Amino acid sequence: MTVTHVKLVSVPVRDQDRARDFYLDVLGFDLIFDNPMGPGGRWVQVAPKGAATALTLVTWFPSMPPGSLKGLVFETDDLDGDVAQLRERGVALADGGIQDAPWGRYVTFDDPDGNGIVLQSTRV
């Protein structure tokens, strides 16, 4: 096989505008595409600044209801600063905030549709 990287991850959402705004305004991602796709559809793609992997905010997969994605993991170099920003922006953090683990530190929360996100800082 000649796979070089993960290009896209589909995130099932109910409302593409609301989800786009969360990933852009709350998480600080870049908007890669927001284009019409077929009759009545849209391709909304977001990504962390400079990332090789992007997220596509999808509404069209019956087997992927909104909120069904769990364990989407993002890495950060400033977990404390990012957690402070999440709190300022009204994001409810699970388990009381930052958790310690042998491999690093992390916090969990959901996007507006209930998709589970882990924001982590890995020890090196």
PDB file of N, CA and C in Angstrom:
ATOM      1  N   MET A   1       0.834  -1.183   0.000  1.00  0.00           N
ATOM      2  CA  MET A   1       0.000   0.000   0.000  1.00  0.00           C
ATOM      3  C   MET A   1       0.881   1.249   0.000  1.00  0.00           C
ATOM      4  N   THR A   2       0.337   2.325  -0.542  1.00  0.00           N
ATOM      5  CA  THR A   2       1.091   3.574  -0.616  1.00  0.00           C
ATOM      6  C   THR A   2       0.362   4.739   0.058  1.00  0.00           C
ATOM      7  N   VAL A   3      -0.400   4.443   1.104  1.00  0.00           N
ATOM      8  CA  VAL A   3      -1.094   5.491   1.840  1.00  0.00           C
ATOM      9  C   VAL A   3      -0.054   6.389   2.496  1.00  0.00           C
ATOM     10  N   THR A   4      -0.208   7.710   2.328  1.00  0.00           N
ATOM     11  CA  THR A   4       0.760   8.646   2.884  1.00  0.00           C
ATOM     12  C   THR A   4       0.249   9.401   4.105  1.00  0.00           C
ATOM     13  N   HIS A   5      -1.073   9.590   4.218  1.00  0.00           N
ATOM     14  CA  HIS A   5      -1.629  10.280   5.379  1.00  0.00           C
ATOM     15  C   HIS A   5      -3.155  10.188   5.353  1.00  0.00           C
ATOM     16  N   VAL A   6      -3.763  10.559   6.455  1.00  0.00           N
ATOM     17  CA  VAL A   6      -5.226  10.635   6.518  1.00  0.00           C
ATOM     18  C   VAL A   6      -5.617  12.006   5.985  1.00  0.00           C
ATOM     19  N   LYS A   7      -6.442  12.036   4.966  1.00  0.00           N
ATOM     20  CA  LYS A   7      -6.840  13.293   4.321  1.00  0.00           C
ATOM     21  C   LYS A   7      -8.041  13.934   5.011  1.00  0.00           C
ATOM     22  N   LEU A   8      -9.102  13.131   5.226  1.00  0.00           N
ATOM     23  CA  LEU A   8     -10.360  13.654   5.763  1.00  0.00           C
ATOM     24  C   LEU A   8     -10.948  12.724   6.801  1.00  0.00           C
ATOM     25  N   VAL A   9     -11.635  13.310   7.754  1.00  0.00           N
ATOM     26  CA  VAL A   9     -12.466  12.566   8.694  1.00  0.00           C
ATOM     27  C   VAL A   9     -13.849  13.193   8.611  1.00  0.00           C
ATOM     28  N   SER A  10     -14.874  12.376   8.387  1.00  0.00           N
ATOM     29  CA  SER A  10     -16.239  12.881   8.321  1.00  0.00           C
ATOM     30  C   SER A  10     -16.820  12.990   9.721  1.00  0.00           C
ATOM     31  N   VAL A  11     -17.347  14.169  10.039  1.00  0.00           N
ATOM     32  CA  VAL A  11     -17.959  14.436  11.340  1.00  0.00           C
ATOM     33  C   VAL A  11     -19.461  14.645  11.100  1.00  0.00           C
ATOM     34  N   PRO A  12     -20.307  13.752  11.631  1.00  0.00           N
ATOM     35  CA  PRO A  12     -21.748  13.862  11.375  1.00  0.00           C
ATOM     36  C   PRO A  12     -22.398  14.965  12.212  1.00  0.00           C
ATOM     37  N   VAL A  13     -23.031  15.908  11.528  1.00  0.00           N
ATOM     38  CA  VAL A  13     -23.656  17.051  12.193  1.00  0.00           C
ATOM     39  C   VAL A  13     -25.093  17.236  11.707  1.00  0.00           C
ATOM     40  N   ARG A  14     -25.869  17.945  12.498  1.00  0.00           N
ATOM     41  CA  ARG A  14     -27.257  18.246  12.164  1.00  0.00           C
ATOM     42  C   ARG A  14     -27.335  19.511  11.310  1.00  0.00           C
ATOM     43  N   ASP A  15     -26.567  20.514  11.699  1.00  0.00           N
ATOM     44  CA  ASP A  15     -26.627  21.841  11.084  1.00  0.00           C
ATOM     45  C   ASP A  15     -25.200  22.250  10.710  1.00  0.00           C
ATOM     46  N   GLN A  16     -24.920  22.304   9.425  1.00  0.00           N
ATOM     47  CA  GLN A  16     -23.559  22.593   8.973  1.00  0.00           C
ATOM     48  C   GLN A  16     -23.102  24.002   9.349  1.00  0.00           C
ATOM     49  N   ASP A  17     -24.018  24.962   9.347  1.00  0.00           N
ATOM     50  CA  ASP A  17     -23.636  26.323   9.726  1.00  0.00           C
ATOM     51  C   ASP A  17     -23.219  26.381  11.195  1.00  0.00           C
ATOM     52  N   ARG A  18     -24.012  25.795  12.068  1.00  0.00           N
ATOM     53  CA  ARG A  18     -23.702  25.799  13.497  1.00  0.00           C
ATOM     54  C   ARG A  18     -22.386  25.063  13.761  1.00  0.00           C
ATOM     55  N   ALA A  19     -22.209  23.910  13.124  1.00  0.00           N
ATOM     56  CA  ALA A  19     -20.977  23.133  13.306  1.00  0.00           C
ATOM     57  C   ALA A  19     -19.773  23.892  12.758  1.00  0.00           C
ATOM     58  N   ARG A  20     -19.909  24.480  11.578  1.00  0.00           N
ATOM     59  CA  ARG A  20     -18.816  25.268  10.989  1.00  0.00           C
ATOM     60  C   ARG A  20     -18.410  26.393  11.943  1.00  0.00           C
ATOM     61  N   ASP A  21     -19.393  27.111  12.469  1.00  0.00           N
ATOM     62  CA  ASP A  21     -19.100  28.217  13.375  1.00  0.00           C
ATOM     63  C   ASP A  21     -18.376  27.735  14.630  1.00  0.00           C
ATOM     64  N   PHE A  22     -18.760  26.575  15.174  1.00  0.00           N
ATOM     65  CA  PHE A  22     -18.084  26.029  16.352  1.00  0.00           C
ATOM     66  C   PHE A  22     -16.623  25.711  16.038  1.00  0.00           C
ATOM     67  N   TYR A  23     -16.384  25.008  14.939  1.00  0.00           N
ATOM     68  CA  TYR A  23     -15.007  24.619  14.617  1.00  0.00           C
ATOM     69  C   TYR A  23     -14.144  25.830  14.253  1.00  0.00           C
ATOM     70  N   LEU A  24     -14.740  26.858  13.649  1.00  0.00           N
ATOM     71  CA  LEU A  24     -13.974  28.057  13.302  1.00  0.00           C
ATOM     72  C   LEU A  24     -13.833  29.000  14.498  1.00  0.00           C
ATOM     73  N   ASP A  25     -14.954  29.366  15.114  1.00  0.00           N
ATOM     74  CA  ASP A  25     -14.951  30.409  16.132  1.00  0.00           C
ATOM     75  C   ASP A  25     -14.519  29.920  17.514  1.00  0.00           C
ATOM     76  N   VAL A  26     -14.854  28.699  17.856  1.00  0.00           N
ATOM     77  CA  VAL A  26     -14.508  28.175  19.181  1.00  0.00           C
ATOM     78  C   VAL A  26     -13.153  27.473  19.161  1.00  0.00           C
ATOM     79  N   LEU A  27     -12.941  26.596  18.166  1.00  0.00           N
ATOM     80  CA  LEU A  27     -11.688  25.843  18.117  1.00  0.00           C
ATOM     81  C   LEU A  27     -10.593  26.524  17.301  1.00  0.00           C
ATOM     82  N   GLY A  28     -10.944  27.560  16.546  1.00  0.00           N
ATOM     83  CA  GLY A  28      -9.935  28.309  15.794  1.00  0.00           C
ATOM     84  C   GLY A  28      -9.454  27.641  14.524  1.00  0.00           C
ATOM     85  N   PHE A  29     -10.246  26.705  13.975  1.00  0.00           N
ATOM     86  CA  PHE A  29      -9.863  26.039  12.734  1.00  0.00           C
ATOM     87  C   PHE A  29     -10.001  26.997  11.556  1.00  0.00           C
ATOM     88  N   ASP A  30      -9.393  26.628  10.439  1.00  0.00           N
ATOM     89  CA  ASP A  30      -9.537  27.352   9.178  1.00  0.00           C
ATOM     90  C   ASP A  30     -10.652  26.723   8.349  1.00  0.00           C
ATOM     91  N   LEU A  31     -11.346  27.552   7.591  1.00  0.00           N
ATOM     92  CA  LEU A  31     -12.337  27.066   6.628  1.00  0.00           C
ATOM     93  C   LEU A  31     -11.599  26.744   5.333  1.00  0.00           C
ATOM     94  N   ILE A  32     -11.647  25.484   4.923  1.00  0.00           N
ATOM     95  CA  ILE A  32     -10.975  25.051   3.695  1.00  0.00           C
ATOM     96  C   ILE A  32     -11.937  25.187   2.505  1.00  0.00           C
ATOM     97  N   PHE A  33     -13.144  24.648   2.664  1.00  0.00           N
ATOM     98  CA  PHE A  33     -14.177  24.739   1.629  1.00  0.00           C
ATOM     99  C   PHE A  33     -15.537  24.914   2.278  1.00  0.00           C
ATOM    100  N   ASP A  34     -16.405  25.651   1.617  1.00  0.00           N
ATOM    101  CA  ASP A  34     -17.834  25.700   1.918  1.00  0.00           C
ATOM    102  C   ASP A  34     -18.511  25.911   0.577  1.00  0.00           C
ATOM    103  N   ASN A  35     -18.747  24.792  -0.115  1.00  0.00           N
ATOM    104  CA  ASN A  35     -19.209  24.833  -1.500  1.00  0.00           C
ATOM    105  C   ASN A  35     -20.456  23.993  -1.698  1.00  0.00           C
ATOM    106  N   PRO A  36     -21.295  24.381  -2.683  1.00  0.00           N
ATOM    107  CA  PRO A  36     -22.441  23.528  -3.025  1.00  0.00           C
ATOM    108  C   PRO A  36     -21.955  22.149  -3.474  1.00  0.00           C
ATOM    109  N   MET A  37     -22.755  21.137  -3.159  1.00  0.00           N
ATOM    110  CA  MET A  37     -22.424  19.775  -3.551  1.00  0.00           C
ATOM    111  C   MET A  37     -23.722  19.062  -3.918  1.00  0.00           C
ATOM    112  N   GLY A  38     -23.982  18.927  -5.190  1.00  0.00           N
ATOM    113  CA  GLY A  38     -25.200  18.254  -5.620  1.00  0.00           C
ATOM    114  C   GLY A  38     -26.428  19.055  -5.239  1.00  0.00           C
ATOM    115  N   PRO A  39     -27.595  18.496  -5.528  1.00  0.00           N
ATOM    116  CA  PRO A  39     -28.838  19.208  -5.241  1.00  0.00           C
ATOM    117  C   PRO A  39     -29.082  19.340  -3.730  1.00  0.00           C
ATOM    118  N   GLY A  40     -29.074  20.574  -3.249  1.00  0.00           N
ATOM    119  CA  GLY A  40     -29.384  20.842  -1.862  1.00  0.00           C
ATOM    120  C   GLY A  40     -28.298  20.469  -0.865  1.00  0.00           C
ATOM    121  N   GLY A  41     -27.118  20.077  -1.330  1.00  0.00           N
ATOM    122  CA  GLY A  41     -26.057  19.669  -0.416  1.00  0.00           C
ATOM    123  C   GLY A  41     -24.917  20.673  -0.370  1.00  0.00           C
ATOM    124  N   ARG A  42     -24.072  20.525   0.639  1.00  0.00           N
ATOM    125  CA  ARG A  42     -22.898  21.391   0.803  1.00  0.00           C
ATOM    126  C   ARG A  42     -21.708  20.560   1.240  1.00  0.00           C
ATOM    127  N   TRP A  43     -20.539  20.967   0.788  1.00  0.00           N
ATOM    128  CA  TRP A  43     -19.283  20.389   1.240  1.00  0.00           C
ATOM    129  C   TRP A  43     -18.630  21.429   2.143  1.00  0.00           C
ATOM    130  N   VAL A  44     -18.612  21.150   3.446  1.00  0.00           N
ATOM    131  CA  VAL A  44     -18.003  22.054   4.410  1.00  0.00           C
ATOM    132  C   VAL A  44     -16.801  21.326   5.006  1.00  0.00           C
ATOM    133  N   GLN A  45     -15.629  21.891   4.774  1.00  0.00           N
ATOM    134  CA  GLN A  45     -14.378  21.269   5.219  1.00  0.00           C
ATOM    135  C   GLN A  45     -13.592  22.270   6.050  1.00  0.00           C
ATOM    136  N   VAL A  46     -13.164  21.839   7.244  1.00  0.00           N
ATOM    137  CA  VAL A  46     -12.397  22.675   8.165  1.00  0.00           C
ATOM    138  C   VAL A  46     -11.158  21.910   8.604  1.00  0.00           C
ATOM    139  N   ALA A  47     -10.166  22.659   9.103  1.00  0.00           N
ATOM    140  CA  ALA A  47      -8.941  22.006   9.569  1.00  0.00           C
ATOM    141  C   ALA A  47      -8.200  22.918  10.532  1.00  0.00           C
ATOM    142  N   PRO A  48      -7.447  22.325  11.455  1.00  0.00           N
ATOM    143  CA  PRO A  48      -6.542  23.148  12.258  1.00  0.00           C
ATOM    144  C   PRO A  48      -5.524  23.821  11.328  1.00  0.00           C
ATOM    145  N   LYS A  49      -5.074  24.982  11.719  1.00  0.00           N
ATOM    146  CA  LYS A  49      -4.110  25.717  10.888  1.00  0.00           C
ATOM    147  C   LYS A  49      -2.902  24.843  10.552  1.00  0.00           C
ATOM    148  N   GLY A  50      -2.605  24.684   9.260  1.00  0.00           N
ATOM    149  CA  GLY A  50      -1.437  23.950   8.807  1.00  0.00           C
ATOM    150  C   GLY A  50      -1.539  22.437   8.878  1.00  0.00           C
ATOM    151  N   ALA A  51      -2.698  21.897   9.231  1.00  0.00           N
ATOM    152  CA  ALA A  51      -2.838  20.444   9.397  1.00  0.00           C
ATOM    153  C   ALA A  51      -2.942  19.727   8.053  1.00  0.00           C
ATOM    154  N   ALA A  52      -2.465  18.499   8.010  1.00  0.00           N
ATOM    155  CA  ALA A  52      -2.584  17.666   6.811  1.00  0.00           C
ATOM    156  C   ALA A  52      -3.953  16.993   6.741  1.00  0.00           C
ATOM    157  N   THR A  53      -4.599  16.819   7.892  1.00  0.00           N
ATOM    158  CA  THR A  53      -5.903  16.165   7.948  1.00  0.00           C
ATOM    159  C   THR A  53      -6.983  17.196   8.219  1.00  0.00           C
ATOM    160  N   ALA A  54      -8.080  17.090   7.475  1.00  0.00           N
ATOM    161  CA  ALA A  54      -9.202  18.018   7.632  1.00  0.00           C
ATOM    162  C   ALA A  54     -10.440  17.250   8.077  1.00  0.00           C
ATOM    163  N   LEU A  55     -11.439  18.004   8.521  1.00  0.00           N
ATOM    164  CA  LEU A  55     -12.736  17.442   8.878  1.00  0.00           C
ATOM    165  C   LEU A  55     -13.766  17.904   7.867  1.00  0.00           C
ATOM    166  N   THR A  56     -14.628  16.993   7.457  1.00  0.00           N
ATOM    167  CA  THR A  56     -15.752  17.335   6.610  1.00  0.00           C
ATOM    168  C   THR A  56     -17.011  17.221   7.462  1.00  0.00           C
ATOM    169  N   LEU A  57     -17.778  18.289   7.542  1.00  0.00           N
ATOM    170  CA  LEU A  57     -18.975  18.331   8.371  1.00  0.00           C
ATOM    171  C   LEU A  57     -20.138  17.836   7.525  1.00  0.00           C
ATOM    172  N   VAL A  58     -20.555  16.595   7.767  1.00  0.00           N
ATOM    173  CA  VAL A  58     -21.484  15.897   6.876  1.00  0.00           C
ATOM    174  C   VAL A  58     -22.875  15.759   7.486  1.00  0.00           C
ATOM    175  N   THR A  59     -23.870  15.775   6.592  1.00  0.00           N
ATOM    176  CA  THR A  59     -25.265  15.582   6.989  1.00  0.00           C
ATOM    177  C   THR A  59     -25.923  14.454   6.198  1.00  0.00           C
ATOM    178  N   TRP A  60     -25.193  13.809   5.326  1.00  0.00           N
ATOM    179  CA  TRP A  60     -25.823  12.930   4.347  1.00  0.00           C
ATOM    180  C   TRP A  60     -25.589  11.439   4.538  1.00  0.00           C
ATOM    181  N   PHE A  61     -24.960  10.988   5.595  1.00  0.00           N
ATOM    182  CA  PHE A  61     -24.747   9.561   5.807  1.00  0.00           C
ATOM    183  C   PHE A  61     -25.768   9.014   6.796  1.00  0.00           C
ATOM    184  N   PRO A  62     -26.760   8.253   6.342  1.00  0.00           N
ATOM    185  CA  PRO A  62     -27.758   7.710   7.267  1.00  0.00           C
ATOM    186  C   PRO A  62     -27.149   6.830   8.357  1.00  0.00           C
ATOM    187  N   SER A  63     -26.036   6.191   8.065  1.00  0.00           N
ATOM    188  CA  SER A  63     -25.399   5.316   9.052  1.00  0.00           C
ATOM    189  C   SER A  63     -24.564   6.094  10.071  1.00  0.00           C
ATOM    190  N   MET A  64     -24.475   7.420   9.908  1.00  0.00           N
ATOM    191  CA  MET A  64     -23.716   8.272  10.828  1.00  0.00           C
ATOM    192  C   MET A  64     -24.613   9.393  11.346  1.00  0.00           C
ATOM    193  N   PRO A  65     -25.436   9.111  12.346  1.00  0.00           N
ATOM    194  CA  PRO A  65     -26.295  10.182  12.860  1.00  0.00           C
ATOM    195  C   PRO A  65     -25.472  11.252  13.569  1.00  0.00           C
ATOM    196  N   PRO A  66     -25.959  12.481  13.587  1.00  0.00           N
ATOM    197  CA  PRO A  66     -25.244  13.551  14.280  1.00  0.00           C
ATOM    198  C   PRO A  66     -24.915  13.146  15.713  1.00  0.00           C
ATOM    199  N   GLY A  67     -23.679  13.407  16.111  1.00  0.00           N
ATOM    200  CA  GLY A  67     -23.234  13.098  17.460  1.00  0.00           C
ATOM    201  C   GLY A  67     -22.698  11.694  17.649  1.00  0.00           C
ATOM    202  N   SER A  68     -22.645  10.906  16.601  1.00  0.00           N
ATOM    203  CA  SER A  68     -22.224   9.504  16.742  1.00  0.00           C
ATOM    204  C   SER A  68     -20.705   9.305  16.707  1.00  0.00           C
ATOM    205  N   LEU A  69     -19.943  10.342  16.376  1.00  0.00           N
ATOM    206  CA  LEU A  69     -18.484  10.217  16.339  1.00  0.00           C
ATOM    207  C   LEU A  69     -17.932  10.470  17.737  1.00  0.00           C
ATOM    208  N   LYS A  70     -17.172   9.543  18.244  1.00  0.00           N
ATOM    209  CA  LYS A  70     -16.561   9.679  19.573  1.00  0.00           C
ATOM    210  C   LYS A  70     -15.063   9.450  19.443  1.00  0.00           C
ATOM    211  N   GLY A  71     -14.302  10.133  20.273  1.00  0.00           N
ATOM    212  CA  GLY A  71     -12.862   9.908  20.297  1.00  0.00           C
ATOM    213  C   GLY A  71     -12.080  10.637  19.225  1.00  0.00           C
ATOM    214  N   LEU A  72     -12.577  11.765  18.756  1.00  0.00           N
ATOM    215  CA  LEU A  72     -11.829  12.599  17.832  1.00  0.00           C
ATOM    216  C   LEU A  72     -10.759  13.308  18.661  1.00  0.00           C
ATOM    217  N   VAL A  73      -9.482  13.073  18.370  1.00  0.00           N
ATOM    218  CA  VAL A  73      -8.394  13.547  19.223  1.00  0.00           C
ATOM    219  C   VAL A  73      -7.598  14.642  18.516  1.00  0.00           C
ATOM    220  N   PHE A  74      -7.445  15.773  19.220  1.00  0.00           N
ATOM    221  CA  PHE A  74      -6.632  16.885  18.743  1.00  0.00           C
ATOM    222  C   PHE A  74      -5.467  17.083  19.709  1.00  0.00           C
ATOM    223  N   GLU A  75      -4.290  17.342  19.169  1.00  0.00           N
ATOM    224  CA  GLU A  75      -3.088  17.586  19.965  1.00  0.00           C
ATOM    225  C   GLU A  75      -2.868  19.097  20.096  1.00  0.00           C
ATOM    226  N   THR A  76      -2.395  19.533  21.265  1.00  0.00           N
ATOM    227  CA  THR A  76      -2.094  20.941  21.487  1.00  0.00           C
ATOM    228  C   THR A  76      -0.768  21.090  22.217  1.00  0.00           C
ATOM    229  N   ASP A  77      -0.119  22.216  21.987  1.00  0.00           N
ATOM    230  CA  ASP A  77       1.110  22.552  22.709  1.00  0.00           C
ATOM    231  C   ASP A  77       0.821  23.378  23.950  1.00  0.00           C
ATOM    232  N   ASP A  78      -0.434  23.834  24.118  1.00  0.00           N
ATOM    233  CA  ASP A  78      -0.788  24.701  25.243  1.00  0.00           C
ATOM    234  C   ASP A  78      -2.152  24.296  25.793  1.00  0.00           C
ATOM    235  N   LEU A  79      -2.203  23.166  26.462  1.00  0.00           N
ATOM    236  CA  LEU A  79      -3.477  22.658  26.971  1.00  0.00           C
ATOM    237  C   LEU A  79      -4.111  23.638  27.957  1.00  0.00           C
ATOM    238  N   ASP A  80      -3.331  24.182  28.882  1.00  0.00           N
ATOM    239  CA  ASP A  80      -3.899  25.107  29.863  1.00  0.00           C
ATOM    240  C   ASP A  80      -4.503  26.346  29.196  1.00  0.00           C
ATOM    241  N   GLY A  81      -3.791  26.926  28.261  1.00  0.00           N
ATOM    242  CA  GLY A  81      -4.298  28.101  27.544  1.00  0.00           C
ATOM    243  C   GLY A  81      -5.528  27.778  26.715  1.00  0.00           C
ATOM    244  N   ASP A  82      -5.510  26.636  26.047  1.00  0.00           N
ATOM    245  CA  ASP A  82      -6.661  26.250  25.227  1.00  0.00           C
ATOM    246  C   ASP A  82      -7.883  25.954  26.083  1.00  0.00           C
ATOM    247  N   VAL A  83      -7.678  25.329  27.239  1.00  0.00           N
ATOM    248  CA  VAL A  83      -8.796  25.049  28.139  1.00  0.00           C
ATOM    249  C   VAL A  83      -9.388  26.360  28.657  1.00  0.00           C
ATOM    250  N   ALA A  84      -8.553  27.326  28.974  1.00  0.00           N
ATOM    251  CA  ALA A  84      -9.056  28.633  29.413  1.00  0.00           C
ATOM    252  C   ALA A  84      -9.909  29.266  28.314  1.00  0.00           C
ATOM    253  N   GLN A  85      -9.457  29.182  27.062  1.00  0.00           N
ATOM    254  CA  GLN A  85     -10.236  29.735  25.951  1.00  0.00           C
ATOM    255  C   GLN A  85     -11.554  28.985  25.761  1.00  0.00           C
ATOM    256  N   LEU A  86     -11.521  27.654  25.869  1.00  0.00           N
ATOM    257  CA  LEU A  86     -12.754  26.882  25.737  1.00  0.00           C
ATOM    258  C   LEU A  86     -13.764  27.307  26.797  1.00  0.00           C
ATOM    259  N   ARG A  87     -13.300  27.466  28.028  1.00  0.00           N
ATOM    260  CA  ARG A  87     -14.194  27.891  29.111  1.00  0.00           C
ATOM    261  C   ARG A  87     -14.753  29.282  28.834  1.00  0.00           C
ATOM    262  N   GLU A  88     -13.900  30.206  28.379  1.00  0.00           N
ATOM    263  CA  GLU A  88     -14.355  31.569  28.042  1.00  0.00           C
ATOM    264  C   GLU A  88     -15.408  31.546  26.944  1.00  0.00           C
ATOM    265  N   ARG A  89     -15.319  30.574  26.056  1.00  0.00           N
ATOM    266  CA  ARG A  89     -16.244  30.477  24.928  1.00  0.00           C
ATOM    267  C   ARG A  89     -17.455  29.608  25.243  1.00  0.00           C
ATOM    268  N   GLY A  90     -17.592  29.221  26.521  1.00  0.00           N
ATOM    269  CA  GLY A  90     -18.794  28.524  26.971  1.00  0.00           C
ATOM    270  C   GLY A  90     -18.834  27.033  26.735  1.00  0.00           C
ATOM    271  N   VAL A  91     -17.704  26.410  26.457  1.00  0.00           N
ATOM    272  CA  VAL A  91     -17.679  24.967  26.221  1.00  0.00           C
ATOM    273  C   VAL A  91     -17.692  24.236  27.564  1.00  0.00           C
ATOM    274  N   ALA A  92     -18.621  23.298  27.704  1.00  0.00           N
ATOM    275  CA  ALA A  92     -18.701  22.481  28.922  1.00  0.00           C
ATOM    276  C   ALA A  92     -17.684  21.346  28.827  1.00  0.00           C
ATOM    277  N   LEU A  93     -16.774  21.313  29.786  1.00  0.00           N
ATOM    278  CA  LEU A  93     -15.738  20.285  29.809  1.00  0.00           C
ATOM    279  C   LEU A  93     -16.203  19.112  30.656  1.00  0.00           C
ATOM    280  N   ALA A  94     -15.953  17.916  30.179  1.00  0.00           N
ATOM    281  CA  ALA A  94     -16.339  16.704  30.914  1.00  0.00           C
ATOM    282  C   ALA A  94     -15.360  16.449  32.052  1.00  0.00           C
ATOM    283  N   ASP A  95     -15.797  15.717  33.038  1.00  0.00           N
ATOM    284  CA  ASP A  95     -14.932  15.244  34.135  1.00  0.00           C
ATOM    285  C   ASP A  95     -14.233  16.362  34.896  1.00  0.00           C
ATOM    286  N   GLY A  96     -14.812  17.553  34.924  1.00  0.00           N
ATOM    287  CA  GLY A  96     -14.252  18.632  35.722  1.00  0.00           C
ATOM    288  C   GLY A  96     -13.042  19.333  35.139  1.00  0.00           C
ATOM    289  N   GLY A  97     -12.663  19.018  33.936  1.00  0.00           N
ATOM    290  CA  GLY A  97     -11.536  19.720  33.316  1.00  0.00           C
ATOM    291  C   GLY A  97     -10.375  18.805  32.974  1.00  0.00           C
ATOM    292  N   ILE A  98      -9.174  19.305  33.144  1.00  0.00           N
ATOM    293  CA  ILE A  98      -7.962  18.600  32.716  1.00  0.00           C
ATOM    294  C   ILE A  98      -7.727  17.359  33.572  1.00  0.00           C
ATOM    295  N   GLN A  99      -7.437  16.270  32.881  1.00  0.00           N
ATOM    296  CA  GLN A  99      -7.126  14.991  33.521  1.00  0.00           C
ATOM    297  C   GLN A  99      -5.654  14.650  33.248  1.00  0.00           C
ATOM    298  N   ASP A 100      -5.025  14.017  34.224  1.00  0.00           N
ATOM    299  CA  ASP A 100      -3.646  13.552  34.061  1.00  0.00           C
ATOM    300  C   ASP A 100      -3.640  12.071  33.721  1.00  0.00           C
ATOM    301  N   ALA A 101      -2.718  11.680  32.847  1.00  0.00           N
ATOM    302  CA  ALA A 101      -2.532  10.281  32.464  1.00  0.00           C
ATOM    303  C   ALA A 101      -1.030  10.031  32.359  1.00  0.00           C
ATOM    304  N   PRO A 102      -0.603   8.776  32.401  1.00  0.00           N
ATOM    305  CA  PRO A 102       0.835   8.489  32.296  1.00  0.00           C
ATOM    306  C   PRO A 102       1.477   9.036  31.016  1.00  0.00           C
ATOM    307  N   TRP A 103       0.701   9.163  29.956  1.00  0.00           N
ATOM    308  CA  TRP A 103       1.222   9.600  28.661  1.00  0.00           C
ATOM    309  C   TRP A 103       1.126  11.112  28.447  1.00  0.00           C
ATOM    310  N   GLY A 104       0.372  11.832  29.333  1.00  0.00           N
ATOM    311  CA  GLY A 104       0.199  13.273  29.160  1.00  0.00           C
ATOM    312  C   GLY A 104      -1.022  13.777  29.905  1.00  0.00           C
ATOM    313  N   ARG A 105      -1.593  14.854  29.402  1.00  0.00           N
ATOM    314  CA  ARG A 105      -2.780  15.470  29.998  1.00  0.00           C
ATOM    315  C   ARG A 105      -3.824  15.665  28.909  1.00  0.00           C
ATOM    316  N   TYR A 106      -5.103  15.692  29.318  1.00  0.00           N
ATOM    317  CA  TYR A 106      -6.167  15.827  28.334  1.00  0.00           C
ATOM    318  C   TYR A 106      -7.438  16.382  28.960  1.00  0.00           C
ATOM    319  N   VAL A 107      -8.318  16.841  28.109  1.00  0.00           N
ATOM    320  CA  VAL A 107      -9.647  17.276  28.499  1.00  0.00           C
ATOM    321  C   VAL A 107     -10.609  16.764  27.431  1.00  0.00           C
ATOM    322  N   THR A 108     -11.838  16.463  27.824  1.00  0.00           N
ATOM    323  CA  THR A 108     -12.830  16.002  26.857  1.00  0.00           C
ATOM    324  C   THR A 108     -14.037  16.936  26.872  1.00  0.00           C
ATOM    325  N   PHE A 109     -14.661  17.048  25.705  1.00  0.00           N
ATOM    326  CA  PHE A 109     -15.864  17.864  25.546  1.00  0.00           C
ATOM    327  C   PHE A 109     -16.554  17.434  24.269  1.00  0.00           C
ATOM    328  N   ASP A 110     -17.741  17.949  24.054  1.00  0.00           N
ATOM    329  CA  ASP A 110     -18.513  17.624  22.855  1.00  0.00           C
ATOM    330  C   ASP A 110     -18.670  18.850  21.976  1.00  0.00           C
ATOM    331  N   ASP A 111     -18.795  18.606  20.661  1.00  0.00           N
ATOM    332  CA  ASP A 111     -19.175  19.689  19.761  1.00  0.00           C
ATOM    333  C   ASP A 111     -20.688  19.903  19.924  1.00  0.00           C
ATOM    334  N   PRO A 112     -21.283  20.871  19.241  1.00  0.00           N
ATOM    335  CA  PRO A 112     -22.710  21.155  19.442  1.00  0.00           C
ATOM    336  C   PRO A 112     -23.646  19.977  19.140  1.00  0.00           C
ATOM    337  N   ASP A 113     -23.188  19.003  18.363  1.00  0.00           N
ATOM    338  CA  ASP A 113     -24.024  17.850  18.037  1.00  0.00           C
ATOM    339  C   ASP A 113     -23.784  16.662  18.952  1.00  0.00           C
ATOM    340  N   GLY A 114     -22.807  16.754  19.845  1.00  0.00           N
ATOM    341  CA  GLY A 114     -22.509  15.650  20.749  1.00  0.00           C
ATOM    342  C   GLY A 114     -21.382  14.749  20.287  1.00  0.00           C
ATOM    343  N   ASN A 115     -20.682  15.131  19.216  1.00  0.00           N
ATOM    344  CA  ASN A 115     -19.501  14.376  18.811  1.00  0.00           C
ATOM    345  C   ASN A 115     -18.422  14.594  19.865  1.00  0.00           C
ATOM    346  N   GLY A 116     -17.814  13.496  20.346  1.00  0.00           N
ATOM    347  CA  GLY A 116     -16.853  13.571  21.445  1.00  0.00           C
ATOM    348  C   GLY A 116     -15.462  13.947  20.987  1.00  0.00           C
ATOM    349  N   ILE A 117     -14.893  14.954  21.642  1.00  0.00           N
ATOM    350  CA  ILE A 117     -13.566  15.460  21.296  1.00  0.00           C
ATOM    351  C   ILE A 117     -12.643  15.324  22.503  1.00  0.00           C
ATOM    352  N   VAL A 118     -11.403  14.909  22.243  1.00  0.00           N
ATOM    353  CA  VAL A 118     -10.345  14.871  23.243  1.00  0.00           C
ATOM    354  C   VAL A 118      -9.291  15.883  22.801  1.00  0.00           C
ATOM    355  N   LEU A 119      -8.965  16.815  23.674  1.00  0.00           N
ATOM    356  CA  LEU A 119      -7.879  17.751  23.423  1.00  0.00           C
ATOM    357  C   LEU A 119      -6.757  17.344  24.368  1.00  0.00           C
ATOM    358  N   GLN A 120      -5.608  17.001  23.799  1.00  0.00           N
ATOM    359  CA  GLN A 120      -4.537  16.422  24.627  1.00  0.00           C
ATOM    360  C   GLN A 120      -3.213  17.097  24.382  1.00  0.00           C
ATOM    361  N   SER A 121      -2.354  16.951  25.390  1.00  0.00           N
ATOM    362  CA  SER A 121      -0.960  17.363  25.309  1.00  0.00           C
ATOM    363  C   SER A 121      -0.135  16.149  25.715  1.00  0.00           C
ATOM    364  N   THR A 122       0.557  15.565  24.763  1.00  0.00           N
ATOM    365  CA  THR A 122       1.309  14.337  24.996  1.00  0.00           C
ATOM    366  C   THR A 122       2.685  14.657  25.568  1.00  0.00           C
ATOM    367  N   ARG A 123       3.069  13.897  26.573  1.00  0.00           N
ATOM    368  CA  ARG A 123       4.420  14.054  27.117  1.00  0.00           C
ATOM    369  C   ARG A 123       5.415  13.463  26.134  1.00  0.00           C
ATOM    370  N   VAL A 124       6.520  14.137  25.983  1.00  0.00           N
ATOM    371  CA  VAL A 124       7.580  13.625  25.096  1.00  0.00           C
ATOM    372  C   VAL A 124       8.811  13.268  25.889  1.00  0.00           C
TER     373      VAL A 124
END
